[in-house]
Every structure is written in C-alpha cells, then in structure tokens.
C-alpha atoms as a PDB file:
ATOM      1  CA  UNK A   1      82.280  87.663  77.817  1.00  0.00           C
ATOM      2  CA  UNK A   2      85.310  89.347  79.350  1.00  0.00           C
ATOM      3  CA  UNK A   3      84.209  92.805  78.186  1.00  0.00           C
ATOM      4  CA  UNK A   4      80.852  92.418  79.932  1.00  0.00           C
ATOM      5  CA  UNK A   5      82.703  92.646  83.262  1.00  0.00           C
ATOM      6  CA  UNK A   6      83.861  96.161  82.456  1.00  0.00           C
ATOM      7  CA  UNK A   7      80.434  97.532  81.537  1.00  0.00           C
ATOM      8  CA  UNK A   8      81.162  98.043  77.841  1.00  0.00           C
ATOM      9  CA  UNK A   9      78.272  95.948  76.517  1.00  0.00           C
ATOM     10  CA  UNK A  10      74.746  97.255  76.813  1.00  0.00           C
ATOM     11  CA  UNK A  11      72.559  95.096  79.079  1.00  0.00           C
ATOM     12  CA  UNK A  12      69.535  93.370  77.587  1.00  0.00           C
ATOM     13  CA  UNK A  13      66.152  94.967  78.156  1.00  0.00           C
ATOM     14  CA  UNK A  14      64.346  94.194  81.393  1.00  0.00           C
ATOM     15  CA  UNK A  15      67.315  92.884  83.358  1.00  0.00           C
ATOM     16  CA  UNK A  16      69.443  94.132  86.226  1.00  0.00           C
ATOM     17  CA  UNK A  17      72.663  93.659  84.279  1.00  0.00           C
ATOM     18  CA  UNK A  18      73.866  97.222  84.865  1.00  0.00           C
ATOM     19  CA  UNK A  19      74.267  96.765  88.616  1.00  0.00           C
ATOM     20  CA  UNK A  20      75.882  93.371  88.033  1.00  0.00           C
ATOM     21  CA  UNK A  21      78.547  94.815  85.755  1.00  0.00           C
ATOM     22  CA  UNK A  22      79.371  97.480  88.313  1.00  0.00           C
ATOM     23  CA  UNK A  23      79.700  94.900  91.095  1.00  0.00           C
ATOM     24  CA  UNK A  24      81.858  92.598  88.946  1.00  0.00           C
ATOM     25  CA  UNK A  25      84.092  95.537  88.025  1.00  0.00           C
ATOM     26  CA  UNK A  26      84.474  96.313  91.720  1.00  0.00           C
ATOM     27  CA  UNK A  27      85.297  92.651  92.392  1.00  0.00           C
ATOM     28  CA  UNK A  28      88.005  92.753  89.732  1.00  0.00           C
ATOM     29  CA  UNK A  29      89.415  95.889  91.411  1.00  0.00           C
ATOM     30  CA  UNK A  30      89.314  94.185  94.807  1.00  0.00           C
ATOM     31  CA  UNK A  31      91.048  91.080  93.447  1.00  0.00           C
ATOM     32  CA  UNK A  32      93.868  93.179  91.997  1.00  0.00           C
ATOM     33  CA  UNK A  33      94.152  95.129  95.277  1.00  0.00           C
ATOM     34  CA  UNK A  34      94.402  91.895  97.296  1.00  0.00           C
ATOM     35  CA  UNK A  35      96.949  90.417  94.898  1.00  0.00           C
ATOM     36  CA  UNK A  36      99.123  93.540  95.044  1.00  0.00           C
ATOM     37  CA  UNK A  37      98.933  93.698  98.850  1.00  0.00           C
ATOM     38  CA  UNK A  38      99.874  90.015  99.150  1.00  0.00           C
ATOM     39  CA  UNK A  39     102.773  90.536  96.731  1.00  0.00           C
ATOM     40  CA  UNK A  40     104.109  93.510  98.677  1.00  0.00           C
ATOM     41  CA  UNK A  41     103.766  91.630 101.996  1.00  0.00           C
ATOM     42  CA  UNK A  42     105.659  88.673 100.554  1.00  0.00           C
ATOM     43  CA  UNK A  43     108.454  90.867  99.235  1.00  0.00           C
ATOM     44  CA  UNK A  44     108.743  92.683 102.577  1.00  0.00           C
ATOM     45  CA  UNK A  45     108.857  89.422 104.547  1.00  0.00           C
ATOM     46  CA  UNK A  46     111.264  87.705 102.119  1.00  0.00           C
ATOM     47  CA  UNK A  47     113.822  90.528 102.275  1.00  0.00           C
ATOM     48  CA  UNK A  48     116.202  89.962 105.222  1.00  0.00           C
ATOM     49  CA  UNK A  49     116.257  92.349 108.112  1.00  0.00           C
ATOM     50  CA  UNK A  50     119.852  93.304 107.334  1.00  0.00           C
ATOM     51  CA  UNK A  51     118.773  94.920 104.058  1.00  0.00           C
ATOM     52  CA  UNK A  52     116.072  96.933 105.817  1.00  0.00           C
ATOM     53  CA  UNK A  53     118.518  98.015 108.557  1.00  0.00           C
ATOM     54  CA  UNK A  54     121.160  98.969 105.980  1.00  0.00           C
ATOM     55  CA  UNK A  55     118.596 100.969 104.038  1.00  0.00           C
ATOM     56  CA  UNK A  56     117.552 102.777 107.224  1.00  0.00           C
ATOM     57  CA  UNK A  57     121.172 103.583 108.106  1.00  0.00           C
ATOM     58  CA  UNK A  58     121.876 104.809 104.580  1.00  0.00           C
ATOM     59  CA  UNK A  59     118.739 106.963 104.664  1.00  0.00           C
ATOM     60  CA  UNK A  60     119.746 108.441 108.014  1.00  0.00           C
ATOM     61  CA  UNK A  61     123.251 109.213 106.709  1.00  0.00           C
ATOM     62  CA  UNK A  62     121.737 110.726 103.574  1.00  0.00           C
ATOM     63  CA  UNK A  63     119.381 112.984 105.515  1.00  0.00           C
ATOM     64  CA  UNK A  64     122.017 114.354 107.968  1.00  0.00           C
END
C-alpha cells in the first residue's frame, strides 16, 4: 500500500492508476517541502536576534 504511492507497483489493466501514482508522489514531495520550510521558519524565529547579530558581526570580521 505504501509502495503504490511511489509508482513501483504496476497499475491494474484499464485504470488511470499511473497518473494517480505520479500525483500522490508529487503530494508526498510537497508535504516534505512544506514540513522542511515550516521547520526552518520555526528555527529561525526561535533563535534570538542576538545570535543572528553576533553571527553577522563574526562573518563581517572574518571577511575583512
């Protein structure tokens, strides 16, 4: 059942299962993309502004 989402099983004859597997695979990719973006946004907002400012100052001192 899980493998059918990745298009590994052959679809039964006379059905539109091929297009369905492609769309479900794309939905899985979209879900992971949304989860990763939410995780990165949460980590960016949770980190205090002092850490970001210190990292920017350290990067500027490292470059010059």
